[in-house]
Amino acid sequence: MIVGQIEKKIELSGWLLLTSVVGSSYLFMPGRFTVGLLLGGLISFLNFLWLRRDLKGFFRRDDGKGKLSMIMKSYLRFTLTAVLLYFIISRQWADVIGLLLGLSLVVLNIVITIWRERKNLLAGS
């Protein structure tokens, strides 16, 4: 059950991290940079949640038909992400550096959360 608890902590801390980083950026950085952080953070975090849901469904199936479905969903997620990023960058809706930093927030959040929960993870194994 510890995995479920960590998933919830990753989700909650992800929203808190995104909110605090975007809020701080709004106060101290140019608008396009803040928009980049917000869009990048939303894209990466929603992509992460979508992947998590798909993986849970994949591992719950036992009929052997989930592999193709998982591959197709991964391609769909990748394509939608690429199209969104293309439009954001080509239309210059956001600063590219802010966008890249926003996209990296999910990884930072996962690393921080796992680091903070390492004792619980090791005790639960």
N, C-alpha and C. Protein backbone atom coordinates (compact mmCIF):
# COMPACT_ATOMS: atom_id res chain seq x y z
N MET A 1 0.82 -1.20 0.00
CA MET A 1 0.00 0.00 0.00
C MET A 1 0.85 1.25 0.00
N ILE A 2 2.13 1.09 0.33
CA ILE A 2 3.00 2.26 0.41
C ILE A 2 3.15 2.95 -0.95
N VAL A 3 3.06 2.16 -2.03
CA VAL A 3 3.17 2.75 -3.36
C VAL A 3 2.01 3.71 -3.62
N GLY A 4 0.80 3.32 -3.21
CA GLY A 4 -0.36 4.18 -3.37
C GLY A 4 -0.22 5.48 -2.60
N GLN A 5 0.36 5.39 -1.41
CA GLN A 5 0.57 6.59 -0.60
C GLN A 5 1.59 7.51 -1.25
N ILE A 6 2.63 6.94 -1.81
CA ILE A 6 3.65 7.76 -2.47
C ILE A 6 3.08 8.38 -3.74
N GLU A 7 2.24 7.63 -4.46
CA GLU A 7 1.60 8.20 -5.65
C GLU A 7 0.79 9.43 -5.27
N LYS A 8 0.04 9.35 -4.19
CA LYS A 8 -0.77 10.50 -3.76
C LYS A 8 0.12 11.67 -3.35
N LYS A 9 1.25 11.36 -2.69
CA LYS A 9 2.18 12.42 -2.29
C LYS A 9 2.82 13.06 -3.52
N ILE A 10 3.15 12.25 -4.51
CA ILE A 10 3.72 12.80 -5.75
C ILE A 10 2.71 13.71 -6.42
N GLU A 11 1.46 13.29 -6.47
CA GLU A 11 0.43 14.11 -7.11
C GLU A 11 0.23 15.42 -6.35
N LEU A 12 0.05 15.34 -5.04
CA LEU A 12 -0.17 16.54 -4.24
C LEU A 12 1.03 17.48 -4.29
N SER A 13 2.22 16.93 -4.10
CA SER A 13 3.41 17.79 -4.11
C SER A 13 3.66 18.36 -5.50
N GLY A 14 3.25 17.63 -6.55
CA GLY A 14 3.39 18.16 -7.91
C GLY A 14 2.55 19.41 -8.12
N TRP A 15 1.30 19.33 -7.67
CA TRP A 15 0.44 20.52 -7.80
C TRP A 15 0.96 21.67 -6.95
N LEU A 16 1.45 21.35 -5.73
CA LEU A 16 1.99 22.40 -4.87
C LEU A 16 3.25 23.03 -5.46
N LEU A 17 4.13 22.20 -6.01
CA LEU A 17 5.35 22.70 -6.63
C LEU A 17 5.02 23.59 -7.82
N LEU A 18 4.14 23.11 -8.68
CA LEU A 18 3.75 23.90 -9.86
C LEU A 18 3.14 25.24 -9.44
N THR A 19 2.25 25.21 -8.47
CA THR A 19 1.61 26.44 -8.00
C THR A 19 2.62 27.41 -7.40
N SER A 20 3.52 26.91 -6.58
CA SER A 20 4.49 27.81 -5.95
C SER A 20 5.49 28.36 -6.94
N VAL A 21 5.95 27.54 -7.88
CA VAL A 21 6.91 28.02 -8.87
C VAL A 21 6.27 29.04 -9.81
N VAL A 22 5.06 28.75 -10.26
CA VAL A 22 4.36 29.69 -11.15
C VAL A 22 4.02 30.97 -10.39
N GLY A 23 3.59 30.85 -9.14
CA GLY A 23 3.29 32.04 -8.34
C GLY A 23 4.51 32.92 -8.13
N SER A 24 5.63 32.30 -7.80
CA SER A 24 6.88 33.07 -7.63
C SER A 24 7.31 33.70 -8.93
N SER A 25 7.19 32.97 -10.01
CA SER A 25 7.56 33.50 -11.31
C SER A 25 6.68 34.68 -11.70
N TYR A 26 5.41 34.58 -11.37
CA TYR A 26 4.48 35.67 -11.68
C TYR A 26 4.90 36.96 -11.00
N LEU A 27 5.45 36.84 -9.80
CA LEU A 27 5.87 38.02 -9.05
C LEU A 27 7.20 38.60 -9.53
N PHE A 28 8.10 37.73 -10.00
CA PHE A 28 9.46 38.19 -10.24
C PHE A 28 9.98 38.07 -11.68
N MET A 29 9.25 37.38 -12.54
CA MET A 29 9.74 37.13 -13.89
C MET A 29 8.77 37.71 -14.93
N PRO A 30 9.26 37.85 -16.19
CA PRO A 30 8.37 38.34 -17.25
C PRO A 30 7.19 37.38 -17.50
N GLY A 31 6.12 37.92 -18.04
CA GLY A 31 4.90 37.15 -18.26
C GLY A 31 5.08 35.93 -19.15
N ARG A 32 5.81 36.08 -20.25
CA ARG A 32 6.00 34.93 -21.16
C ARG A 32 6.76 33.80 -20.49
N PHE A 33 7.69 34.14 -19.62
CA PHE A 33 8.43 33.11 -18.88
C PHE A 33 7.48 32.36 -17.96
N THR A 34 6.63 33.09 -17.25
CA THR A 34 5.67 32.48 -16.35
C THR A 34 4.68 31.60 -17.11
N VAL A 35 4.23 32.07 -18.26
CA VAL A 35 3.33 31.26 -19.10
C VAL A 35 4.04 29.98 -19.52
N GLY A 36 5.32 30.07 -19.85
CA GLY A 36 6.09 28.88 -20.21
C GLY A 36 6.17 27.88 -19.07
N LEU A 37 6.44 28.39 -17.87
CA LEU A 37 6.46 27.51 -16.70
C LEU A 37 5.11 26.83 -16.49
N LEU A 38 4.06 27.61 -16.59
CA LEU A 38 2.72 27.07 -16.37
C LEU A 38 2.36 26.03 -17.42
N LEU A 39 2.55 26.36 -18.69
CA LEU A 39 2.20 25.41 -19.75
C LEU A 39 3.07 24.16 -19.71
N GLY A 40 4.37 24.34 -19.52
CA GLY A 40 5.27 23.19 -19.43
C GLY A 40 4.94 22.31 -18.24
N GLY A 41 4.67 22.93 -17.10
CA GLY A 41 4.32 22.16 -15.91
C GLY A 41 3.01 21.42 -16.09
N LEU A 42 2.01 22.08 -16.67
CA LEU A 42 0.72 21.41 -16.89
C LEU A 42 0.85 20.26 -17.88
N ILE A 43 1.56 20.49 -18.97
CA ILE A 43 1.74 19.44 -19.98
C ILE A 43 2.43 18.23 -19.37
N SER A 44 3.53 18.47 -18.66
CA SER A 44 4.28 17.33 -18.12
C SER A 44 3.52 16.63 -17.00
N PHE A 45 2.86 17.39 -16.15
CA PHE A 45 2.15 16.77 -15.03
C PHE A 45 0.93 15.99 -15.51
N LEU A 46 0.17 16.57 -16.42
CA LEU A 46 -0.99 15.85 -16.96
C LEU A 46 -0.55 14.62 -17.76
N ASN A 47 0.56 14.74 -18.47
CA ASN A 47 1.12 13.60 -19.19
C ASN A 47 1.52 12.49 -18.21
N PHE A 48 2.12 12.87 -17.09
CA PHE A 48 2.50 11.91 -16.06
C PHE A 48 1.28 11.21 -15.48
N LEU A 49 0.23 11.97 -15.18
CA LEU A 49 -0.99 11.37 -14.63
C LEU A 49 -1.64 10.42 -15.63
N TRP A 50 -1.64 10.80 -16.90
CA TRP A 50 -2.20 9.96 -17.95
C TRP A 50 -1.40 8.65 -18.06
N LEU A 51 -0.08 8.77 -18.03
CA LEU A 51 0.78 7.58 -18.09
C LEU A 51 0.54 6.68 -16.89
N ARG A 52 0.44 7.26 -15.71
CA ARG A 52 0.18 6.47 -14.50
C ARG A 52 -1.12 5.69 -14.62
N ARG A 53 -2.17 6.36 -15.10
CA ARG A 53 -3.46 5.68 -15.26
C ARG A 53 -3.36 4.54 -16.26
N ASP A 54 -2.68 4.79 -17.38
CA ASP A 54 -2.53 3.75 -18.40
C ASP A 54 -1.72 2.56 -17.88
N LEU A 55 -0.66 2.84 -17.14
CA LEU A 55 0.16 1.75 -16.60
C LEU A 55 -0.61 0.91 -15.58
N LYS A 56 -1.40 1.58 -14.75
CA LYS A 56 -2.22 0.81 -13.80
C LYS A 56 -3.18 -0.11 -14.54
N GLY A 57 -3.82 0.42 -15.57
CA GLY A 57 -4.73 -0.40 -16.36
C GLY A 57 -4.01 -1.55 -17.05
N PHE A 58 -2.82 -1.28 -17.53
CA PHE A 58 -2.04 -2.30 -18.23
C PHE A 58 -1.69 -3.46 -17.29
N PHE A 59 -1.25 -3.13 -16.09
CA PHE A 59 -0.82 -4.18 -15.17
C PHE A 59 -1.99 -4.90 -14.50
N ARG A 60 -3.17 -4.31 -14.56
CA ARG A 60 -4.35 -4.99 -14.02
C ARG A 60 -4.92 -6.00 -15.00
N ARG A 61 -4.63 -5.83 -16.27
CA ARG A 61 -5.16 -6.76 -17.28
C ARG A 61 -4.38 -8.06 -17.24
N ASP A 62 -5.09 -9.13 -17.47
CA ASP A 62 -4.41 -10.42 -17.52
C ASP A 62 -4.81 -11.21 -18.77
N ASP A 63 -5.38 -10.51 -19.74
CA ASP A 63 -5.81 -11.21 -20.95
C ASP A 63 -4.78 -11.17 -22.07
N GLY A 64 -3.65 -10.47 -21.85
CA GLY A 64 -2.60 -10.43 -22.86
C GLY A 64 -2.85 -9.45 -23.98
N LYS A 65 -3.97 -8.72 -23.96
CA LYS A 65 -4.29 -7.80 -25.04
C LYS A 65 -3.91 -6.36 -24.71
N GLY A 66 -3.35 -6.14 -23.55
CA GLY A 66 -3.05 -4.78 -23.12
C GLY A 66 -1.82 -4.18 -23.77
N LYS A 67 -0.95 -5.01 -24.33
CA LYS A 67 0.31 -4.52 -24.87
C LYS A 67 0.09 -3.57 -26.04
N LEU A 68 -0.72 -3.95 -27.00
CA LEU A 68 -0.99 -3.09 -28.15
C LEU A 68 -1.70 -1.82 -27.72
N SER A 69 -2.64 -1.94 -26.82
CA SER A 69 -3.35 -0.78 -26.31
C SER A 69 -2.39 0.19 -25.63
N MET A 70 -1.48 -0.33 -24.84
CA MET A 70 -0.50 0.52 -24.16
C MET A 70 0.41 1.22 -25.15
N ILE A 71 0.82 0.52 -26.17
CA ILE A 71 1.68 1.12 -27.20
C ILE A 71 0.93 2.23 -27.93
N MET A 72 -0.32 1.97 -28.28
CA MET A 72 -1.11 2.98 -29.00
C MET A 72 -1.36 4.21 -28.13
N LYS A 73 -1.66 4.00 -26.87
CA LYS A 73 -1.87 5.13 -25.95
C LYS A 73 -0.59 5.93 -25.78
N SER A 74 0.54 5.25 -25.74
CA SER A 74 1.83 5.95 -25.61
C SER A 74 2.10 6.81 -26.83
N TYR A 75 1.83 6.27 -28.03
CA TYR A 75 2.00 7.06 -29.25
C TYR A 75 1.04 8.24 -29.29
N LEU A 76 -0.17 8.04 -28.85
CA LEU A 76 -1.15 9.13 -28.81
C LEU A 76 -0.70 10.21 -27.85
N ARG A 77 -0.24 9.83 -26.67
CA ARG A 77 0.23 10.80 -25.69
C ARG A 77 1.44 11.55 -26.21
N PHE A 78 2.36 10.84 -26.83
CA PHE A 78 3.55 11.46 -27.39
C PHE A 78 3.18 12.45 -28.50
N THR A 79 2.27 12.04 -29.38
CA THR A 79 1.85 12.90 -30.50
C THR A 79 1.16 14.16 -29.99
N LEU A 80 0.24 14.00 -29.04
CA LEU A 80 -0.46 15.17 -28.50
C LEU A 80 0.51 16.13 -27.82
N THR A 81 1.46 15.57 -27.09
CA THR A 81 2.47 16.41 -26.43
C THR A 81 3.30 17.16 -27.47
N ALA A 82 3.73 16.46 -28.51
CA ALA A 82 4.54 17.09 -29.56
C ALA A 82 3.76 18.20 -30.27
N VAL A 83 2.49 17.95 -30.57
CA VAL A 83 1.67 18.96 -31.25
C VAL A 83 1.49 20.19 -30.35
N LEU A 84 1.19 19.96 -29.07
CA LEU A 84 1.05 21.08 -28.14
C LEU A 84 2.33 21.90 -28.06
N LEU A 85 3.46 21.21 -27.90
CA LEU A 85 4.74 21.93 -27.82
C LEU A 85 5.05 22.67 -29.11
N TYR A 86 4.73 22.07 -30.24
CA TYR A 86 4.96 22.73 -31.52
C TYR A 86 4.20 24.05 -31.59
N PHE A 87 2.92 24.01 -31.23
CA PHE A 87 2.12 25.24 -31.32
C PHE A 87 2.57 26.28 -30.30
N ILE A 88 2.91 25.85 -29.11
CA ILE A 88 3.36 26.80 -28.09
C ILE A 88 4.65 27.49 -28.53
N ILE A 89 5.57 26.72 -29.11
CA ILE A 89 6.86 27.29 -29.52
C ILE A 89 6.73 28.08 -30.82
N SER A 90 6.03 27.52 -31.80
CA SER A 90 5.95 28.19 -33.10
C SER A 90 5.13 29.49 -33.04
N ARG A 91 4.12 29.53 -32.19
CA ARG A 91 3.31 30.74 -32.05
C ARG A 91 3.89 31.70 -31.02
N GLN A 92 4.97 31.31 -30.39
CA GLN A 92 5.67 32.10 -29.38
C GLN A 92 4.74 32.54 -28.26
N TRP A 93 3.91 31.60 -27.80
CA TRP A 93 3.00 31.89 -26.70
C TRP A 93 3.74 31.96 -25.37
N ALA A 94 4.92 31.33 -25.32
CA ALA A 94 5.64 31.25 -24.07
C ALA A 94 7.14 31.26 -24.33
N ASP A 95 7.87 31.64 -23.31
CA ASP A 95 9.33 31.60 -23.37
C ASP A 95 9.80 30.15 -23.36
N VAL A 96 10.72 29.82 -24.24
CA VAL A 96 11.16 28.43 -24.38
C VAL A 96 11.89 27.94 -23.12
N ILE A 97 12.69 28.80 -22.51
CA ILE A 97 13.39 28.40 -21.28
C ILE A 97 12.38 28.11 -20.17
N GLY A 98 11.39 28.97 -20.03
CA GLY A 98 10.34 28.73 -19.04
C GLY A 98 9.59 27.45 -19.33
N LEU A 99 9.33 27.20 -20.60
CA LEU A 99 8.64 25.97 -21.01
C LEU A 99 9.46 24.74 -20.63
N LEU A 100 10.74 24.77 -20.92
CA LEU A 100 11.62 23.64 -20.59
C LEU A 100 11.71 23.43 -19.07
N LEU A 101 11.80 24.52 -18.33
CA LEU A 101 11.83 24.38 -16.87
C LEU A 101 10.51 23.82 -16.36
N GLY A 102 9.41 24.27 -16.93
CA GLY A 102 8.11 23.74 -16.54
C GLY A 102 7.99 22.26 -16.85
N LEU A 103 8.49 21.85 -18.00
CA LEU A 103 8.45 20.44 -18.37
C LEU A 103 9.29 19.58 -17.42
N SER A 104 10.31 20.15 -16.83
CA SER A 104 11.19 19.39 -15.94
C SER A 104 10.67 19.32 -14.52
N LEU A 105 9.60 20.04 -14.20
CA LEU A 105 9.10 20.05 -12.83
C LEU A 105 8.63 18.68 -12.37
N VAL A 106 8.07 17.88 -13.26
CA VAL A 106 7.60 16.54 -12.87
C VAL A 106 8.77 15.68 -12.40
N VAL A 107 9.85 15.72 -13.13
CA VAL A 107 11.02 14.92 -12.74
C VAL A 107 11.56 15.41 -11.40
N LEU A 108 11.68 16.71 -11.25
CA LEU A 108 12.15 17.27 -9.99
C LEU A 108 11.23 16.86 -8.84
N ASN A 109 9.94 16.94 -9.06
CA ASN A 109 8.97 16.57 -8.04
C ASN A 109 9.10 15.09 -7.65
N ILE A 110 9.24 14.22 -8.62
CA ILE A 110 9.36 12.78 -8.32
C ILE A 110 10.63 12.51 -7.54
N VAL A 111 11.74 13.11 -7.95
CA VAL A 111 13.01 12.90 -7.25
C VAL A 111 12.92 13.39 -5.80
N ILE A 112 12.37 14.58 -5.61
CA ILE A 112 12.25 15.14 -4.25
C ILE A 112 11.34 14.26 -3.39
N THR A 113 10.20 13.86 -3.94
CA THR A 113 9.25 13.06 -3.17
C THR A 113 9.84 11.70 -2.81
N ILE A 114 10.48 11.05 -3.75
CA ILE A 114 11.10 9.74 -3.47
C ILE A 114 12.22 9.90 -2.44
N TRP A 115 13.01 10.96 -2.56
CA TRP A 115 14.09 11.19 -1.61
C TRP A 115 13.52 11.37 -0.20
N ARG A 116 12.44 12.13 -0.09
CA ARG A 116 11.83 12.37 1.22
C ARG A 116 11.20 11.10 1.80
N GLU A 117 10.76 10.21 0.94
CA GLU A 117 10.08 8.99 1.38
C GLU A 117 10.98 7.75 1.36
N ARG A 118 12.28 7.93 1.18
CA ARG A 118 13.18 6.79 1.03
C ARG A 118 13.16 5.87 2.23
N LYS A 119 13.03 6.38 3.41
CA LYS A 119 13.02 5.53 4.61
C LYS A 119 11.77 4.65 4.61
N ASN A 120 10.63 5.22 4.24
CA ASN A 120 9.40 4.42 4.18
C ASN A 120 9.48 3.37 3.08
N LEU A 121 10.10 3.73 1.97
CA LEU A 121 10.24 2.77 0.87
C LEU A 121 11.13 1.60 1.28
N LEU A 122 12.24 1.91 1.92
CA LEU A 122 13.17 0.85 2.33
C LEU A 122 12.58 -0.01 3.44
N ALA A 123 11.82 0.59 4.32
CA ALA A 123 11.20 -0.17 5.42
C ALA A 123 10.08 -1.07 4.89
N GLY A 124 9.42 -0.64 3.80
CA GLY A 124 8.31 -1.41 3.26
C GLY A 124 8.74 -2.55 2.36
N SER A 125 10.02 -2.62 1.99
CA SER A 125 10.45 -3.69 1.07
C SER A 125 10.92 -4.93 1.77
